[in-house]
Every structure is written in C-alpha cells, then in structure tokens.
Amino acid sequence: MSFPAKSILLLLLFFGFSYVPSFAQYDTAYIGKPEDQLIFRVYLSRKFTDFTIRDPESELRFMPNSGNNLGIGATFKTLTLNLAVPFGFLNPNRRNDWPSYLDLQAHIYPEKWIIDLFGQFYNGYSIQNYFGDGEDYVRRDMKMRKIGANVNYLFNGEQVSFAAAMLQSEVQKRSAISPMLGFELYRVTVKADSLIFPSEVAVDTNFQRGDFIQFGPNAGMVGTLVFGKGFFVTAAMSVDLGLGYGRLEKQRESSVLQFNPTYFARGFAGYNGRRFSLNFNYVYKRLPLAGNSNFDQSVNTGNYRINLVYKFNLKEEVSKALSRISPSRILIKD
C-alpha cells in the first residue's frame, strides 16, 4: 500500500527523535541514572512558529494552521522516539484543505550541553479576527522557512540534568544552578505572491519577500529546584545580542544590518518519581529580524508539552537486547 506525498509529509511533521549521548562524568549526589528502565509517555503537545510585526501603534501576528497533538513516546537510555497526531477533536477550529507544512525541532541534552536544532517549513498563514466578527486575514500563499541551531555549554552540567526535566530518563536528586555560554545562528525567509500585509498597513512597512540572517554569542543561567519527594521546577534563560542582516523586497529592494537582542526561555515543572512522572515542558524562542527603523518584526517559535509517564523496569535479557541498538554503543564501538 502506497502513501501520498502529503501523508508522508504530515507523518514527518509529528515524528520526533532525540539522541542524548552519555560520555561525560556526572555527580551521582545530584543526578540518578537508572540503567534498565523503559520510559513510556503519553503527551499532549503543540508546536508553532508565528511571524509578528510591531510598530508604535499596532501589532500584527501571522499564525500558522498548526494544532494540538496527542502522542506517545518511549525512551531507553540515550534513545528517544515520539509520534503524535493532530486529532480533529483537539482542533475544532483548524482549517481544512490547507497547504501542508513541516516542523522539525530537536532539543538534545547531553551532559554539560544544550543543543537545539530547527528546520521549519510553513505554508499558509492568517491574522485571526483581523476584520472583526471572527473574519481572518488569510494568506494561503505566504511561506516561512527557518533553519537554525543554538548550542550552549553548562559550566556545572555534571549537577544539572535536562534529561530529567525533559525526558524523565534521569532523576534530579538535589537543587543546582549553572551558568551557560553558547552561540546561535539562524536563517529565515518570508515570502508571498504579493505584498504580505493588508493594504491598511503603512506602505513603508510592507514587503513581498524578506531574507534574514541572525547570529551571535549568548549567555544565560539554568537552575533546578527539587523539593518534596520527586517534585521539581527547572528554568533556563539565555540572552543573545546578535548581529542581524535583512533584505526586503517591495517596490524596491532594501537591506539593513543591525544588532538585535534575542532570548531563549525554557521551563519544566512537575513530579518525577521512580515509576511515575507528570510534568509540563515549555520551550520558547523569540527571534527578532532586522527591518526598517519604524517597526520591528520577529519569528517566535514555541513548543509546549504535558507528559504522563510510566517507567518499566526491564528484565536483564530485554535490556541487553535493546542495548545492542543503542546509538551510544554503536558510536563507542566505531
């Protein structure tokens, strides 16, 4: 049985894969790593990437036709696999017969490192209730492409576990904090068949195609608070004063080079016990784009998830069988 290209694209959209190599040393007084557990999760999630423009008098926010997803996933040691579907009962207002899109996000947390990768290809945007009475400003022809990476080094990473906060494959035993330092690089394009913004918007803020690059170093702090028996709150914030380049095409082509402050925020909270976990995760990146002096514009990416987790203790023979296909085993052998 063959699948049409659109079905394959939608399958890729809601398929998640994470790999967390485990080569560095960690402090066992702060982090626990059960070796023979299979982490099974059921989760509700939503990923989005909007395009927002602001001037002193107004704000316009283009939203994609993304929705709420219900999914399942599993983690064994360094390997995580997730699969989610946007069921109709979770998305009563989602548009039908809309251009397909692909949103790939990888948030990888080896010891002492935070690695975020983005490959987002959205087709079709709308400004909700722009004309009033529930009537939207709809642009099926609008396309947004974002490719980028963010990498941070945790100076006290042997004491702070993002795998415990995000994947529940580890356990954070004690509270800890760590400064972090890194670098980020993004390329974004926004285009349409005609000028993107409604005719009521001032002409000098309108364009048909925009091409943007943003890069620079960043710094921040991460902290995790452990209280009670298994309850935790983990938060991380990094700020970047990067250099941005933008080229806009409208009646004529213009370009600008400027410094743009950006930030990346993450929050995790819940209960992570030896057998059960219930938690909420949120990752948000605001990426300002270089533009004209009388307005600012940004691409904002969010990914939130509510996880219900059960941890299975595996028999020795099952654990050995799964370990044979572990990426870390393959990498060490090679």
Protein backbone atom coordinates (compact mmCIF):
# COMPACT_ATOMS: atom_id res chain seq x y z
CA MET A 1 0.00 0.00 0.00
CA SER A 2 1.49 3.35 -1.02
CA PHE A 3 1.10 6.68 0.77
CA PRO A 4 0.67 10.04 -1.00
CA ALA A 5 3.40 12.60 -0.55
CA LYS A 6 1.17 14.79 1.64
CA SER A 7 0.56 11.91 4.07
CA ILE A 8 4.29 11.24 4.32
CA LEU A 9 4.91 14.93 5.00
CA LEU A 10 2.32 15.00 7.77
CA LEU A 11 3.84 11.87 9.29
CA LEU A 12 7.25 13.52 9.38
CA LEU A 13 5.68 16.61 10.93
CA PHE A 14 4.61 14.78 14.07
CA PHE A 15 7.54 12.38 14.34
CA GLY A 16 10.13 13.23 16.97
CA PHE A 17 13.57 11.75 17.56
CA SER A 18 16.09 12.67 20.24
CA TYR A 19 19.53 11.27 20.91
CA VAL A 20 21.35 12.05 24.15
CA PRO A 21 24.96 10.80 24.18
CA SER A 22 26.30 9.95 27.61
CA PHE A 23 30.09 10.18 27.67
CA ALA A 24 30.76 12.87 30.30
CA GLN A 25 31.07 12.34 34.06
CA TYR A 26 28.17 13.36 36.29
CA ASP A 27 27.79 13.89 40.02
CA THR A 28 25.82 10.98 41.49
CA ALA A 29 24.91 13.12 44.52
CA TYR A 30 22.85 15.33 42.17
CA ILE A 31 21.77 13.05 39.30
CA GLY A 32 20.46 9.49 39.25
CA LYS A 33 20.58 7.37 36.07
CA PRO A 34 18.54 4.14 36.15
CA GLU A 35 20.16 1.80 33.64
CA ASP A 36 17.41 -0.73 32.90
CA GLN A 37 14.23 1.30 32.52
CA LEU A 38 11.97 1.88 29.54
CA ILE A 39 10.30 5.30 29.81
CA PHE A 40 6.83 5.28 28.21
CA ARG A 41 4.89 8.53 27.81
CA VAL A 42 1.55 9.80 26.62
CA TYR A 43 1.58 13.51 25.89
CA LEU A 44 -0.34 16.49 24.62
CA SER A 45 1.76 18.99 22.66
CA ARG A 46 1.67 21.99 20.39
CA LYS A 47 4.40 23.42 18.16
CA PHE A 48 4.10 26.74 16.34
CA THR A 49 6.15 29.39 14.58
CA ASP A 50 4.45 32.75 14.10
CA PHE A 51 5.55 35.92 12.31
CA THR A 52 4.87 39.17 14.17
CA ILE A 53 5.34 42.79 13.17
CA ARG A 54 5.01 45.74 15.57
CA ASP A 55 5.02 49.49 15.10
CA PRO A 56 4.26 52.18 17.73
CA GLU A 57 0.51 51.94 17.04
CA SER A 58 -0.30 48.30 16.35
CA GLU A 59 0.76 44.67 16.23
CA LEU A 60 0.03 42.08 13.55
CA ARG A 61 0.56 38.39 14.29
CA PHE A 62 0.50 35.85 11.47
CA MET A 63 -0.32 32.39 12.82
CA PRO A 64 0.16 29.03 11.05
CA ASN A 65 -2.51 26.35 10.77
CA SER A 66 -0.86 24.15 13.39
CA GLY A 67 -2.80 22.41 16.14
CA ASN A 68 -2.80 20.39 19.32
CA ASN A 69 -1.26 16.93 19.04
CA LEU A 70 -1.84 13.77 21.05
CA GLY A 71 1.13 11.43 21.07
CA ILE A 72 3.02 8.54 22.56
CA GLY A 73 6.73 8.05 23.03
CA ALA A 74 9.43 5.97 24.64
CA THR A 75 12.96 6.49 25.96
CA PHE A 76 15.61 3.85 26.58
CA LYS A 77 18.94 5.15 27.85
CA THR A 78 20.13 7.60 25.17
CA LEU A 79 17.42 7.00 22.57
CA THR A 80 14.01 8.73 22.50
CA LEU A 81 11.24 8.26 19.95
CA ASN A 82 7.94 10.23 19.85
CA LEU A 83 4.97 10.12 17.49
CA ALA A 84 1.95 12.47 17.67
CA VAL A 85 -1.15 13.18 15.56
CA PRO A 86 -3.40 16.32 15.45
CA PHE A 87 -6.72 14.60 16.08
CA GLY A 88 -9.78 16.54 14.95
CA PHE A 89 -11.49 16.60 18.34
CA LEU A 90 -8.48 18.54 19.69
CA ASN A 91 -8.60 21.10 16.85
CA PRO A 92 -12.19 22.11 16.05
CA ASN A 93 -11.05 25.43 14.50
CA ARG A 94 -8.19 24.08 12.41
CA ARG A 95 -8.57 24.84 8.69
CA ASN A 96 -9.22 22.03 6.24
CA ASP A 97 -7.74 21.83 2.74
CA TRP A 98 -4.75 23.94 3.80
CA PRO A 99 -1.17 23.77 2.48
CA SER A 100 0.89 21.15 4.34
CA TYR A 101 3.88 22.10 6.47
CA LEU A 102 6.85 20.52 8.21
CA ASP A 103 8.09 21.50 11.69
CA LEU A 104 11.20 19.67 12.88
CA GLN A 105 12.62 20.57 16.28
CA ALA A 106 15.32 18.66 18.14
CA HIS A 107 16.13 19.60 21.73
CA ILE A 108 19.13 17.49 22.78
CA TYR A 109 20.58 17.44 26.29
CA PRO A 110 23.88 15.59 26.73
CA GLU A 111 25.77 16.25 29.95
CA LYS A 112 27.10 19.81 30.08
CA TRP A 113 25.40 20.78 26.79
CA ILE A 114 22.11 22.11 25.43
CA ILE A 115 21.63 21.69 21.67
CA ASP A 116 18.58 22.98 19.78
CA LEU A 117 18.08 22.38 16.05
CA PHE A 118 15.28 23.87 13.93
CA GLY A 119 14.07 23.01 10.44
CA GLN A 120 10.68 24.66 9.93
CA PHE A 121 8.84 24.96 6.63
CA TYR A 122 5.40 26.58 6.99
CA ASN A 123 2.93 27.24 4.18
CA GLY A 124 -0.11 29.43 4.74
CA TYR A 125 -0.66 32.00 7.49
CA SER A 126 -3.55 34.12 8.79
CA ILE A 127 -4.18 37.03 11.16
CA GLN A 128 -7.02 35.90 13.38
CA ASN A 129 -10.13 38.12 13.57
CA TYR A 130 -8.41 40.90 11.62
CA PHE A 131 -11.67 42.20 10.08
CA GLY A 132 -13.77 41.58 13.22
CA ASP A 133 -16.75 39.25 13.73
CA GLY A 134 -14.40 36.28 13.51
CA GLU A 135 -13.20 37.04 9.96
CA ASP A 136 -9.49 36.39 9.44
CA TYR A 137 -6.97 37.92 7.07
CA VAL A 138 -5.92 34.78 5.17
CA ARG A 139 -2.74 34.28 3.12
CA ARG A 140 -2.52 30.75 1.73
CA ASP A 141 0.36 31.90 -0.48
CA MET A 142 2.58 33.06 2.41
CA LYS A 143 5.61 30.88 3.14
CA MET A 144 8.05 30.96 6.05
CA ARG A 145 11.31 28.99 6.23
CA LYS A 146 13.51 28.87 9.33
CA ILE A 147 16.71 26.85 9.73
CA GLY A 148 18.94 27.31 12.73
CA ALA A 149 20.89 25.99 15.68
CA ASN A 150 21.53 27.04 19.26
CA VAL A 151 24.32 25.46 21.31
CA ASN A 152 25.10 26.15 24.98
CA TYR A 153 27.75 24.80 27.34
CA LEU A 154 26.76 24.28 31.01
CA PHE A 155 29.67 25.02 33.33
CA ASN A 156 28.13 22.92 36.14
CA GLY A 157 26.45 20.45 33.83
CA GLU A 158 27.51 17.45 35.91
CA GLN A 159 24.99 18.67 38.53
CA VAL A 160 22.05 19.76 36.32
CA SER A 161 20.10 17.21 34.26
CA PHE A 162 17.93 18.41 31.37
CA ALA A 163 17.24 14.75 30.57
CA ALA A 164 15.49 14.51 33.96
CA ALA A 165 13.43 17.65 33.31
CA MET A 166 12.55 16.96 29.65
CA LEU A 167 12.66 13.19 29.17
CA GLN A 168 12.40 11.81 32.74
CA SER A 169 15.09 9.25 31.85
CA GLU A 170 17.15 10.57 34.76
CA VAL A 171 16.30 11.88 38.24
CA GLN A 172 17.43 15.21 39.66
CA LYS A 173 18.19 14.47 43.33
CA ARG A 174 19.25 17.89 44.60
CA SER A 175 18.79 21.52 43.59
CA ALA A 176 21.54 23.05 41.47
CA ILE A 177 22.37 26.03 39.24
CA SER A 178 24.78 26.60 36.40
CA PRO A 179 25.82 29.48 34.14
CA MET A 180 25.90 28.73 30.42
CA LEU A 181 27.59 30.18 27.37
CA GLY A 182 26.97 29.49 23.70
CA PHE A 183 26.37 30.56 20.14
CA GLU A 184 23.38 30.63 17.78
CA LEU A 185 22.80 31.00 14.05
CA TYR A 186 19.51 31.32 12.11
CA ARG A 187 18.40 31.87 8.53
CA VAL A 188 14.78 32.92 7.92
CA THR A 189 12.89 33.69 4.70
CA VAL A 190 9.34 35.04 4.47
CA LYS A 191 7.65 35.48 1.09
CA ALA A 192 4.29 35.65 -0.68
CA ASP A 193 2.88 36.21 -4.16
CA SER A 194 2.16 39.88 -3.36
CA LEU A 195 2.74 42.34 -0.51
CA ILE A 196 2.29 40.44 2.73
CA PHE A 197 0.48 42.90 4.95
CA PRO A 198 -3.06 44.25 4.44
CA SER A 199 -3.42 47.42 2.41
CA GLU A 200 -4.28 49.39 5.56
CA VAL A 201 -0.73 48.89 6.84
CA ALA A 202 1.69 51.72 6.05
CA VAL A 203 3.46 51.12 2.73
CA ASP A 204 6.97 51.54 4.13
CA THR A 205 6.43 48.56 6.46
CA ASN A 206 5.18 46.25 3.73
CA PHE A 207 7.20 43.82 1.63
CA GLN A 208 6.76 40.79 -0.60
CA ARG A 209 9.89 38.85 0.33
CA GLY A 210 12.26 39.05 3.28
CA ASP A 211 15.56 37.26 3.73
CA PHE A 212 17.15 37.36 7.20
CA ILE A 213 20.26 36.06 8.98
CA GLN A 214 20.83 36.34 12.73
CA PHE A 215 23.90 35.11 14.63
CA GLY A 216 25.97 35.79 17.70
CA PRO A 217 27.12 34.59 21.15
CA ASN A 218 24.72 34.15 24.05
CA ALA A 219 24.92 33.72 27.81
CA GLY A 220 22.48 32.70 30.50
CA MET A 221 21.67 30.71 33.59
CA VAL A 222 19.89 27.44 34.36
CA GLY A 223 18.57 26.34 37.72
CA THR A 224 16.60 23.41 39.06
CA LEU A 225 14.74 23.32 42.37
CA VAL A 226 13.98 19.93 43.91
CA PHE A 227 11.52 19.73 46.79
CA GLY A 228 9.33 17.17 48.49
CA LYS A 229 9.84 13.65 47.18
CA GLY A 230 10.28 13.95 43.42
CA PHE A 231 8.81 17.40 42.73
CA PHE A 232 10.91 19.79 40.67
CA VAL A 233 10.98 23.10 38.82
CA THR A 234 13.67 23.74 36.20
CA ALA A 235 14.13 27.01 34.31
CA ALA A 236 16.70 28.31 31.84
CA MET A 237 17.12 31.66 30.14
CA SER A 238 19.77 32.79 27.67
CA VAL A 239 20.15 36.21 26.06
CA ASP A 240 21.91 36.99 22.79
CA LEU A 241 22.95 40.37 21.40
CA GLY A 242 23.43 39.09 17.89
CA LEU A 243 24.10 40.70 14.56
CA GLY A 244 21.19 40.63 12.14
CA TYR A 245 21.05 41.13 8.39
CA GLY A 246 17.80 41.66 6.50
CA ARG A 247 16.96 42.18 2.83
CA LEU A 248 13.42 43.27 1.95
CA GLU A 249 11.82 43.25 -1.48
CA LYS A 250 8.82 45.50 -2.13
CA GLN A 251 8.60 48.34 -4.68
CA ARG A 252 12.39 48.31 -4.48
CA GLU A 253 14.95 46.21 -2.66
CA SER A 254 16.48 47.43 0.61
CA SER A 255 18.82 45.87 3.15
CA VAL A 256 19.82 46.61 6.73
CA LEU A 257 22.49 45.42 9.18
CA GLN A 258 21.83 45.89 12.90
CA PHE A 259 22.24 44.43 16.37
CA ASN A 260 19.15 42.62 17.69
CA PRO A 261 18.72 41.33 21.26
CA THR A 262 17.11 37.88 21.42
CA TYR A 263 16.23 35.42 24.16
CA PHE A 264 15.56 31.70 24.61
CA ALA A 265 13.40 30.59 27.57
CA ARG A 266 12.67 27.10 28.87
CA GLY A 267 10.54 25.91 31.75
CA PHE A 268 9.89 22.45 33.21
CA ALA A 269 7.80 21.57 36.26
CA GLY A 270 6.16 18.53 37.76
CA TYR A 271 6.73 15.29 39.60
CA ASN A 272 9.40 12.78 38.56
CA GLY A 273 9.27 9.64 40.68
CA ARG A 274 10.80 6.18 40.40
CA ARG A 275 7.79 4.81 38.48
CA PHE A 276 5.52 7.74 37.54
CA SER A 277 6.02 11.25 36.21
CA LEU A 278 3.60 14.05 35.43
CA ASN A 279 5.10 17.26 34.12
CA PHE A 280 4.77 20.32 31.91
CA ASN A 281 7.50 21.46 29.50
CA TYR A 282 7.73 24.71 27.55
CA VAL A 283 10.39 25.94 25.14
CA TYR A 284 10.13 29.40 23.55
CA LYS A 285 12.49 31.26 21.24
CA ARG A 286 11.94 34.88 20.19
CA LEU A 287 14.00 35.77 17.13
CA PRO A 288 13.90 39.46 16.09
CA LEU A 289 14.62 40.11 12.43
CA ALA A 290 16.45 43.10 11.01
CA GLY A 291 13.97 45.53 9.45
CA ASN A 292 13.11 49.18 8.90
CA SER A 293 13.64 51.68 11.70
CA ASN A 294 9.92 52.43 12.20
CA PHE A 295 8.84 48.85 13.06
CA ASP A 296 10.24 45.61 14.40
CA GLN A 297 9.47 42.09 13.33
CA SER A 298 10.18 38.69 14.81
CA VAL A 299 9.71 34.98 14.28
CA ASN A 300 8.60 33.30 17.51
CA THR A 301 8.83 29.54 17.98
CA GLY A 302 7.12 27.68 20.80
CA ASN A 303 6.83 24.06 21.80
CA TYR A 304 4.84 23.03 24.88
CA ARG A 305 4.04 19.57 26.15
CA ILE A 306 2.19 17.88 29.00
CA ASN A 307 3.61 14.42 29.75
CA LEU A 308 2.17 11.45 31.64
CA VAL A 309 4.99 8.93 32.12
CA TYR A 310 5.31 5.37 33.39
CA LYS A 311 8.70 3.71 33.86
CA PHE A 312 9.03 -0.03 33.22
CA ASN A 313 11.82 -1.98 34.89
CA LEU A 314 13.22 -4.29 32.23
CA LYS A 315 14.48 -7.82 32.64
CA GLU A 316 18.19 -8.22 32.07
CA GLU A 317 17.83 -10.07 28.76
CA VAL A 318 15.43 -7.41 27.38
CA SER A 319 17.76 -4.60 28.44
CA LYS A 320 20.72 -6.30 26.75
CA ALA A 321 18.73 -6.76 23.54
CA LEU A 322 17.75 -3.07 23.44
CA SER A 323 21.31 -2.01 24.30
CA ARG A 324 22.59 -3.67 21.14
CA ILE A 325 20.84 -0.99 19.06
CA SER A 326 21.74 1.92 21.38
CA PRO A 327 23.38 4.79 19.44
CA SER A 328 25.94 5.29 22.21
CA ARG A 329 27.05 1.63 21.90
CA ILE A 330 27.42 2.00 18.13
CA LEU A 331 29.42 5.25 18.48
CA ILE A 332 31.73 3.83 21.15
CA LYS A 333 32.34 0.68 19.07
CA ASP A 334 33.16 2.71 15.95
